[in-house]
Amino acid sequence: PGLCCMIVLFNGMQSSLSMVYDREMGSMKLL
């Protein structure tokens, strides 16, 4: 179960990393 939560933790942070990338590329503003 802890390793399952590790997967969720890393996926949540990676999705947030994409938000930072989208903001730098400008696509976040369109959203």
PDB file of all heavy atoms in Angstrom:
ATOM      1  N   PRO A   1       0.817  -1.231   0.000  1.00  0.00           N
ATOM      2  CA  PRO A   1       0.000   0.000   0.000  1.00  0.00           C
ATOM      3  C   PRO A   1       0.842   1.268   0.000  1.00  0.00           C
ATOM      4  O   PRO A   1       0.476   2.259  -0.647  1.00  0.00           O
ATOM      5  CB  PRO A   1      -0.822  -0.123   1.292  1.00  0.00           C
ATOM      6  CG  PRO A   1      -0.848  -1.584   1.588  1.00  0.00           C
ATOM      7  CD  PRO A   1       0.479  -2.111   1.141  1.00  0.00           C
ATOM      8  N   GLY A   2       1.974   1.242   0.718  1.00  0.00           N
ATOM      9  CA  GLY A   2       2.851   2.410   0.721  1.00  0.00           C
ATOM     10  C   GLY A   2       3.440   2.683  -0.642  1.00  0.00           C
ATOM     11  O   GLY A   2       3.578   3.848  -1.054  1.00  0.00           O
ATOM     12  N   LEU A   3       3.776   1.624  -1.376  1.00  0.00           N
ATOM     13  CA  LEU A   3       4.319   1.798  -2.720  1.00  0.00           C
ATOM     14  C   LEU A   3       3.243   2.296  -3.680  1.00  0.00           C
ATOM     15  O   LEU A   3       3.535   3.057  -4.607  1.00  0.00           O
ATOM     16  CB  LEU A   3       4.916   0.479  -3.215  1.00  0.00           C
ATOM     17  CG  LEU A   3       6.112  -0.047  -2.402  1.00  0.00           C
ATOM     18  CD1 LEU A   3       6.605  -1.365  -2.976  1.00  0.00           C
ATOM     19  CD2 LEU A   3       7.244   0.978  -2.383  1.00  0.00           C
ATOM     20  N   CYS A   4       2.004   1.864  -3.465  1.00  0.00           N
ATOM     21  CA  CYS A   4       0.900   2.399  -4.278  1.00  0.00           C
ATOM     22  C   CYS A   4       0.754   3.904  -4.057  1.00  0.00           C
ATOM     23  O   CYS A   4       0.561   4.677  -5.011  1.00  0.00           O
ATOM     24  CB  CYS A   4      -0.408   1.694  -3.923  1.00  0.00           C
ATOM     25  SG  CYS A   4      -0.483  -0.046  -4.406  1.00  0.00           S
ATOM     26  N   CYS A   5       0.851   4.317  -2.798  1.00  0.00           N
ATOM     27  CA  CYS A   5       0.766   5.751  -2.497  1.00  0.00           C
ATOM     28  C   CYS A   5       1.975   6.499  -3.044  1.00  0.00           C
ATOM     29  O   CYS A   5       1.868   7.682  -3.392  1.00  0.00           O
ATOM     30  CB  CYS A   5       0.642   5.964  -0.992  1.00  0.00           C
ATOM     31  SG  CYS A   5      -0.964   5.483  -0.315  1.00  0.00           S
ATOM     32  N   MET A   6       3.118   5.815  -3.126  1.00  0.00           N
ATOM     33  CA  MET A   6       4.294   6.437  -3.748  1.00  0.00           C
ATOM     34  C   MET A   6       4.004   6.765  -5.209  1.00  0.00           C
ATOM     35  O   MET A   6       4.368   7.839  -5.703  1.00  0.00           O
ATOM     36  CB  MET A   6       5.504   5.507  -3.667  1.00  0.00           C
ATOM     37  CG  MET A   6       6.729   6.043  -4.411  1.00  0.00           C
ATOM     38  SD  MET A   6       7.936   4.767  -4.827  1.00  0.00           S
ATOM     39  CE  MET A   6       8.758   4.578  -3.265  1.00  0.00           C
ATOM     40  N   ILE A   7       3.336   5.852  -5.910  1.00  0.00           N
ATOM     41  CA  ILE A   7       2.976   6.084  -7.303  1.00  0.00           C
ATOM     42  C   ILE A   7       2.067   7.310  -7.418  1.00  0.00           C
ATOM     43  O   ILE A   7       2.257   8.173  -8.273  1.00  0.00           O
ATOM     44  CB  ILE A   7       2.284   4.838  -7.893  1.00  0.00           C
ATOM     45  CG1 ILE A   7       3.267   3.671  -7.953  1.00  0.00           C
ATOM     46  CG2 ILE A   7       1.720   5.136  -9.276  1.00  0.00           C
ATOM     47  CD1 ILE A   7       2.635   2.367  -8.388  1.00  0.00           C
ATOM     48  N   VAL A   8       1.071   7.379  -6.521  1.00  0.00           N
ATOM     49  CA  VAL A   8       0.147   8.516  -6.542  1.00  0.00           C
ATOM     50  C   VAL A   8       0.888   9.808  -6.237  1.00  0.00           C
ATOM     51  O   VAL A   8       0.637  10.852  -6.861  1.00  0.00           O
ATOM     52  CB  VAL A   8      -0.992   8.291  -5.528  1.00  0.00           C
ATOM     53  CG1 VAL A   8      -1.957   9.473  -5.556  1.00  0.00           C
ATOM     54  CG2 VAL A   8      -1.745   7.005  -5.848  1.00  0.00           C
ATOM     55  N   LEU A   9       1.819   9.761  -5.278  1.00  0.00           N
ATOM     56  CA  LEU A   9       2.581  10.953  -4.898  1.00  0.00           C
ATOM     57  C   LEU A   9       3.418  11.460  -6.061  1.00  0.00           C
ATOM     58  O   LEU A   9       3.403  12.662  -6.383  1.00  0.00           O
ATOM     59  CB  LEU A   9       3.477  10.618  -3.704  1.00  0.00           C
ATOM     60  CG  LEU A   9       4.436  11.723  -3.221  1.00  0.00           C
ATOM     61  CD1 LEU A   9       3.653  12.952  -2.782  1.00  0.00           C
ATOM     62  CD2 LEU A   9       5.298  11.197  -2.077  1.00  0.00           C
ATOM     63  N   PHE A  10       4.148  10.569  -6.724  1.00  0.00           N
ATOM     64  CA  PHE A  10       4.988  10.986  -7.839  1.00  0.00           C
ATOM     65  C   PHE A  10       4.142  11.471  -9.013  1.00  0.00           C
ATOM     66  O   PHE A  10       4.511  12.441  -9.683  1.00  0.00           O
ATOM     67  CB  PHE A  10       5.887   9.826  -8.285  1.00  0.00           C
ATOM     68  CG  PHE A  10       7.189   9.763  -7.539  1.00  0.00           C
ATOM     69  CD1 PHE A  10       7.286   9.059  -6.361  1.00  0.00           C
ATOM     70  CD2 PHE A  10       8.321  10.417  -8.013  1.00  0.00           C
ATOM     71  CE1 PHE A  10       8.483   9.002  -5.652  1.00  0.00           C
ATOM     72  CE2 PHE A  10       9.518  10.378  -7.328  1.00  0.00           C
ATOM     73  CZ  PHE A  10       9.604   9.662  -6.137  1.00  0.00           C
ATOM     74  N   ASN A  11       3.011  10.816  -9.260  1.00  0.00           N
ATOM     75  CA  ASN A  11       2.169  11.247 -10.376  1.00  0.00           C
ATOM     76  C   ASN A  11       1.572  12.624 -10.100  1.00  0.00           C
ATOM     77  O   ASN A  11       1.485  13.468 -11.007  1.00  0.00           O
ATOM     78  CB  ASN A  11       1.048  10.237 -10.611  1.00  0.00           C
ATOM     79  CG  ASN A  11       0.190  10.588 -11.812  1.00  0.00           C
ATOM     80  OD1 ASN A  11       0.658  10.640 -12.945  1.00  0.00           O
ATOM     81  ND2 ASN A  11      -1.086  10.856 -11.574  1.00  0.00           N
ATOM     82  N   GLY A  12       1.176  12.873  -8.853  1.00  0.00           N
ATOM     83  CA  GLY A  12       0.636  14.182  -8.508  1.00  0.00           C
ATOM     84  C   GLY A  12       1.663  15.286  -8.685  1.00  0.00           C
ATOM     85  O   GLY A  12       1.351  16.368  -9.196  1.00  0.00           O
ATOM     86  N   MET A  13       2.909  15.001  -8.273  1.00  0.00           N
ATOM     87  CA  MET A  13       3.953  16.012  -8.413  1.00  0.00           C
ATOM     88  C   MET A  13       4.355  16.204  -9.876  1.00  0.00           C
ATOM     89  O   MET A  13       4.646  17.324 -10.313  1.00  0.00           O
ATOM     90  CB  MET A  13       5.176  15.612  -7.573  1.00  0.00           C
ATOM     91  CG  MET A  13       4.919  15.671  -6.091  1.00  0.00           C
ATOM     92  SD  MET A  13       4.458  17.338  -5.542  1.00  0.00           S
ATOM     93  CE  MET A  13       3.804  17.009  -3.916  1.00  0.00           C
ATOM     94  N   GLN A  14       4.370  15.123 -10.657  1.00  0.00           N
ATOM     95  CA  GLN A  14       4.698  15.253 -12.070  1.00  0.00           C
ATOM     96  C   GLN A  14       3.624  16.031 -12.822  1.00  0.00           C
ATOM     97  O   GLN A  14       3.928  16.822 -13.724  1.00  0.00           O
ATOM     98  CB  GLN A  14       4.895  13.871 -12.695  1.00  0.00           C
ATOM     99  CG  GLN A  14       6.224  13.229 -12.344  1.00  0.00           C
ATOM    100  CD  GLN A  14       6.449  11.939 -13.102  1.00  0.00           C
ATOM    101  OE1 GLN A  14       5.519  11.177 -13.352  1.00  0.00           O
ATOM    102  NE2 GLN A  14       7.688  11.664 -13.449  1.00  0.00           N
ATOM    103  N   SER A  15       2.366  15.818 -12.461  1.00  0.00           N
ATOM    104  CA  SER A  15       1.286  16.586 -13.089  1.00  0.00           C
ATOM    105  C   SER A  15       1.418  18.063 -12.753  1.00  0.00           C
ATOM    106  O   SER A  15       1.152  18.930 -13.596  1.00  0.00           O
ATOM    107  CB  SER A  15      -0.075  16.058 -12.616  1.00  0.00           C
ATOM    108  OG  SER A  15      -0.272  14.725 -13.032  1.00  0.00           O
ATOM    109  N   SER A  16       1.841  18.352 -11.526  1.00  0.00           N
ATOM    110  CA  SER A  16       2.048  19.745 -11.135  1.00  0.00           C
ATOM    111  C   SER A  16       3.256  20.332 -11.841  1.00  0.00           C
ATOM    112  O   SER A  16       3.276  21.524 -12.173  1.00  0.00           O
ATOM    113  CB  SER A  16       2.217  19.842  -9.622  1.00  0.00           C
ATOM    114  OG  SER A  16       1.079  19.316  -8.977  1.00  0.00           O
ATOM    115  N   LEU A  17       4.264  19.500 -12.078  1.00  0.00           N
ATOM    116  CA  LEU A  17       5.428  19.954 -12.836  1.00  0.00           C
ATOM    117  C   LEU A  17       5.021  20.381 -14.242  1.00  0.00           C
ATOM    118  O   LEU A  17       5.540  21.361 -14.789  1.00  0.00           O
ATOM    119  CB  LEU A  17       6.480  18.848 -12.897  1.00  0.00           C
ATOM    120  CG  LEU A  17       7.775  19.151 -13.660  1.00  0.00           C
ATOM    121  CD1 LEU A  17       8.522  20.302 -12.993  1.00  0.00           C
ATOM    122  CD2 LEU A  17       8.651  17.909 -13.711  1.00  0.00           C
ATOM    123  N   SER A  18       4.061  19.669 -14.817  1.00  0.00           N
ATOM    124  CA  SER A  18       3.570  20.039 -16.142  1.00  0.00           C
ATOM    125  C   SER A  18       2.848  21.386 -16.099  1.00  0.00           C
ATOM    126  O   SER A  18       2.853  22.128 -17.084  1.00  0.00           O
ATOM    127  CB  SER A  18       2.625  18.959 -16.682  1.00  0.00           C
ATOM    128  OG  SER A  18       1.418  18.909 -15.936  1.00  0.00           O
ATOM    129  N   MET A  19       2.241  21.714 -14.942  1.00  0.00           N
ATOM    130  CA  MET A  19       1.606  23.027 -14.806  1.00  0.00           C
ATOM    131  C   MET A  19       2.650  24.138 -14.869  1.00  0.00           C
ATOM    132  O   MET A  19       2.425  25.183 -15.484  1.00  0.00           O
ATOM    133  CB  MET A  19       0.847  23.096 -13.477  1.00  0.00           C
ATOM    134  CG  MET A  19      -0.326  22.147 -13.367  1.00  0.00           C
ATOM    135  SD  MET A  19      -1.817  22.757 -14.161  1.00  0.00           S
ATOM    136  CE  MET A  19      -2.362  23.978 -12.980  1.00  0.00           C
ATOM    137  N   VAL A  20       3.791  23.904 -14.210  1.00  0.00           N
ATOM    138  CA  VAL A  20       4.873  24.896 -14.256  1.00  0.00           C
ATOM    139  C   VAL A  20       5.388  25.036 -15.687  1.00  0.00           C
ATOM    140  O   VAL A  20       5.638  26.144 -16.175  1.00  0.00           O
ATOM    141  CB  VAL A  20       6.020  24.488 -13.308  1.00  0.00           C
ATOM    142  CG1 VAL A  20       7.155  25.504 -13.363  1.00  0.00           C
ATOM    143  CG2 VAL A  20       5.506  24.357 -11.881  1.00  0.00           C
ATOM    144  N   TYR A  21       5.520  23.905 -16.389  1.00  0.00           N
ATOM    145  CA  TYR A  21       5.984  23.924 -17.777  1.00  0.00           C
ATOM    146  C   TYR A  21       4.978  24.657 -18.668  1.00  0.00           C
ATOM    147  O   TYR A  21       5.366  25.473 -19.516  1.00  0.00           O
ATOM    148  CB  TYR A  21       6.187  22.490 -18.263  1.00  0.00           C
ATOM    149  CG  TYR A  21       6.645  22.395 -19.696  1.00  0.00           C
ATOM    150  CD1 TYR A  21       7.982  22.561 -20.030  1.00  0.00           C
ATOM    151  CD2 TYR A  21       5.733  22.129 -20.724  1.00  0.00           C
ATOM    152  CE1 TYR A  21       8.409  22.477 -21.344  1.00  0.00           C
ATOM    153  CE2 TYR A  21       6.148  22.045 -22.043  1.00  0.00           C
ATOM    154  CZ  TYR A  21       7.490  22.219 -22.348  1.00  0.00           C
ATOM    155  OH  TYR A  21       7.899  22.138 -23.650  1.00  0.00           O
ATOM    156  N   ASP A  22       3.690  24.386 -18.475  1.00  0.00           N
ATOM    157  CA  ASP A  22       2.657  25.050 -19.275  1.00  0.00           C
ATOM    158  C   ASP A  22       2.656  26.555 -19.026  1.00  0.00           C
ATOM    159  O   ASP A  22       2.416  27.346 -19.950  1.00  0.00           O
ATOM    160  CB  ASP A  22       1.277  24.477 -18.942  1.00  0.00           C
ATOM    161  CG  ASP A  22       1.096  23.073 -19.487  1.00  0.00           C
ATOM    162  OD1 ASP A  22       1.897  22.672 -20.354  1.00  0.00           O
ATOM    163  OD2 ASP A  22       0.170  22.371 -19.032  1.00  0.00           O
ATOM    164  N   ARG A  23       2.928  26.945 -17.785  1.00  0.00           N
ATOM    165  CA  ARG A  23       2.952  28.373 -17.479  1.00  0.00           C
ATOM    166  C   ARG A  23       4.112  29.056 -18.187  1.00  0.00           C
ATOM    167  O   ARG A  23       3.969  30.175 -18.699  1.00  0.00           O
ATOM    168  CB  ARG A  23       3.059  28.581 -15.968  1.00  0.00           C
ATOM    169  CG  ARG A  23       3.006  30.055 -15.551  1.00  0.00           C
ATOM    170  CD  ARG A  23       2.930  30.184 -14.049  1.00  0.00           C
ATOM    171  NE  ARG A  23       4.061  29.537 -13.416  1.00  0.00           N
ATOM    172  CZ  ARG A  23       4.009  28.900 -12.245  1.00  0.00           C
ATOM    173  NH1 ARG A  23       2.873  28.828 -11.598  1.00  0.00           N
ATOM    174  NH2 ARG A  23       5.083  28.352 -11.727  1.00  0.00           N
ATOM    175  N   GLU A  24       5.268  28.380 -18.241  1.00  0.00           N
ATOM    176  CA  GLU A  24       6.418  28.977 -18.914  1.00  0.00           C
ATOM    177  C   GLU A  24       6.227  29.018 -20.422  1.00  0.00           C
ATOM    178  O   GLU A  24       6.696  29.926 -21.095  1.00  0.00           O
ATOM    179  CB  GLU A  24       7.692  28.199 -18.566  1.00  0.00           C
ATOM    180  CG  GLU A  24       8.144  28.365 -17.129  1.00  0.00           C
ATOM    181  CD  GLU A  24       9.564  27.893 -16.912  1.00  0.00           C
ATOM    182  OE1 GLU A  24      10.156  27.323 -17.854  1.00  0.00           O
ATOM    183  OE2 GLU A  24      10.086  28.099 -15.813  1.00  0.00           O
ATOM    184  N   MET A  25       5.503  28.024 -20.975  1.00  0.00           N
ATOM    185  CA  MET A  25       5.281  27.977 -22.412  1.00  0.00           C
ATOM    186  C   MET A  25       4.102  28.839 -22.853  1.00  0.00           C
ATOM    187  O   MET A  25       3.909  29.079 -24.041  1.00  0.00           O
ATOM    188  CB  MET A  25       5.040  26.524 -22.860  1.00  0.00           C
ATOM    189  CG  MET A  25       6.232  25.597 -22.661  1.00  0.00           C
ATOM    190  SD  MET A  25       7.683  26.075 -23.647  1.00  0.00           S
ATOM    191  CE  MET A  25       8.721  26.807 -22.364  1.00  0.00           C
ATOM    192  N   GLY A  26       3.276  29.263 -21.893  1.00  0.00           N
ATOM    193  CA  GLY A  26       2.155  30.130 -22.227  1.00  0.00           C
ATOM    194  C   GLY A  26       0.818  29.430 -22.372  1.00  0.00           C
ATOM    195  O   GLY A  26      -0.218  30.094 -22.425  1.00  0.00           O
ATOM    196  N   SER A  27       0.807  28.084 -22.439  1.00  0.00           N
ATOM    197  CA  SER A  27      -0.459  27.377 -22.622  1.00  0.00           C
ATOM    198  C   SER A  27      -1.340  27.446 -21.380  1.00  0.00           C
ATOM    199  O   SER A  27      -2.569  27.326 -21.475  1.00  0.00           O
ATOM    200  CB  SER A  27      -0.198  25.912 -22.993  1.00  0.00           C
ATOM    201  OG  SER A  27       0.644  25.289 -22.035  1.00  0.00           O
ATOM    202  N   MET A  28      -0.734  27.651 -20.209  1.00  0.00           N
ATOM    203  CA  MET A  28      -1.518  27.783 -18.991  1.00  0.00           C
ATOM    204  C   MET A  28      -2.427  29.016 -19.051  1.00  0.00           C
ATOM    205  O   MET A  28      -3.567  28.992 -18.594  1.00  0.00           O
ATOM    206  CB  MET A  28      -0.578  27.863 -17.782  1.00  0.00           C
ATOM    207  CG  MET A  28      -1.278  28.212 -16.469  1.00  0.00           C
ATOM    208  SD  MET A  28      -2.526  27.020 -15.989  1.00  0.00           S
ATOM    209  CE  MET A  28      -1.476  25.656 -15.552  1.00  0.00           C
ATOM    210  N   LYS A  29      -1.930  30.096 -19.641  1.00  0.00           N
ATOM    211  CA  LYS A  29      -2.732  31.315 -19.745  1.00  0.00           C
ATOM    212  C   LYS A  29      -3.972  31.081 -20.596  1.00  0.00           C
ATOM    213  O   LYS A  29      -5.050  31.600 -20.307  1.00  0.00           O
ATOM    214  CB  LYS A  29      -1.895  32.444 -20.338  1.00  0.00           C
ATOM    215  CG  LYS A  29      -0.745  32.895 -19.429  1.00  0.00           C
ATOM    216  CD  LYS A  29       0.029  34.034 -20.060  1.00  0.00           C
ATOM    217  CE  LYS A  29       1.172  34.485 -19.153  1.00  0.00           C
ATOM    218  NZ  LYS A  29       1.968  35.582 -19.759  1.00  0.00           N
ATOM    219  N   LEU A  30      -3.825  30.267 -21.655  1.00  0.00           N
ATOM    220  CA  LEU A  30      -4.983  29.975 -22.503  1.00  0.00           C
ATOM    221  C   LEU A  30      -6.040  29.204 -21.723  1.00  0.00           C
ATOM    222  O   LEU A  30      -7.242  29.439 -21.883  1.00  0.00           O
ATOM    223  CB  LEU A  30      -4.529  29.161 -23.726  1.00  0.00           C
ATOM    224  CG  LEU A  30      -3.599  29.876 -24.707  1.00  0.00           C
ATOM    225  CD1 LEU A  30      -3.180  28.917 -25.824  1.00  0.00           C
ATOM    226  CD2 LEU A  30      -4.280  31.111 -25.299  1.00  0.00           C
ATOM    227  N   LEU A  31      -5.587  28.273 -20.867  1.00  0.00           N
ATOM    228  CA  LEU A  31      -6.529  27.495 -20.073  1.00  0.00           C
ATOM    229  C   LEU A  31      -7.261  28.372 -19.069  1.00  0.00           C
ATOM    230  O   LEU A  31      -8.481  28.295 -18.924  1.00  0.00           O
ATOM    231  CB  LEU A  31      -5.786  26.369 -19.354  1.00  0.00           C
ATOM    232  CG  LEU A  31      -6.629  25.479 -18.418  1.00  0.00           C
ATOM    233  CD1 LEU A  31      -7.685  24.738 -19.218  1.00  0.00           C
ATOM    234  CD2 LEU A  31      -5.741  24.498 -17.671  1.00  0.00           C
TER     235      LEU A  31
END
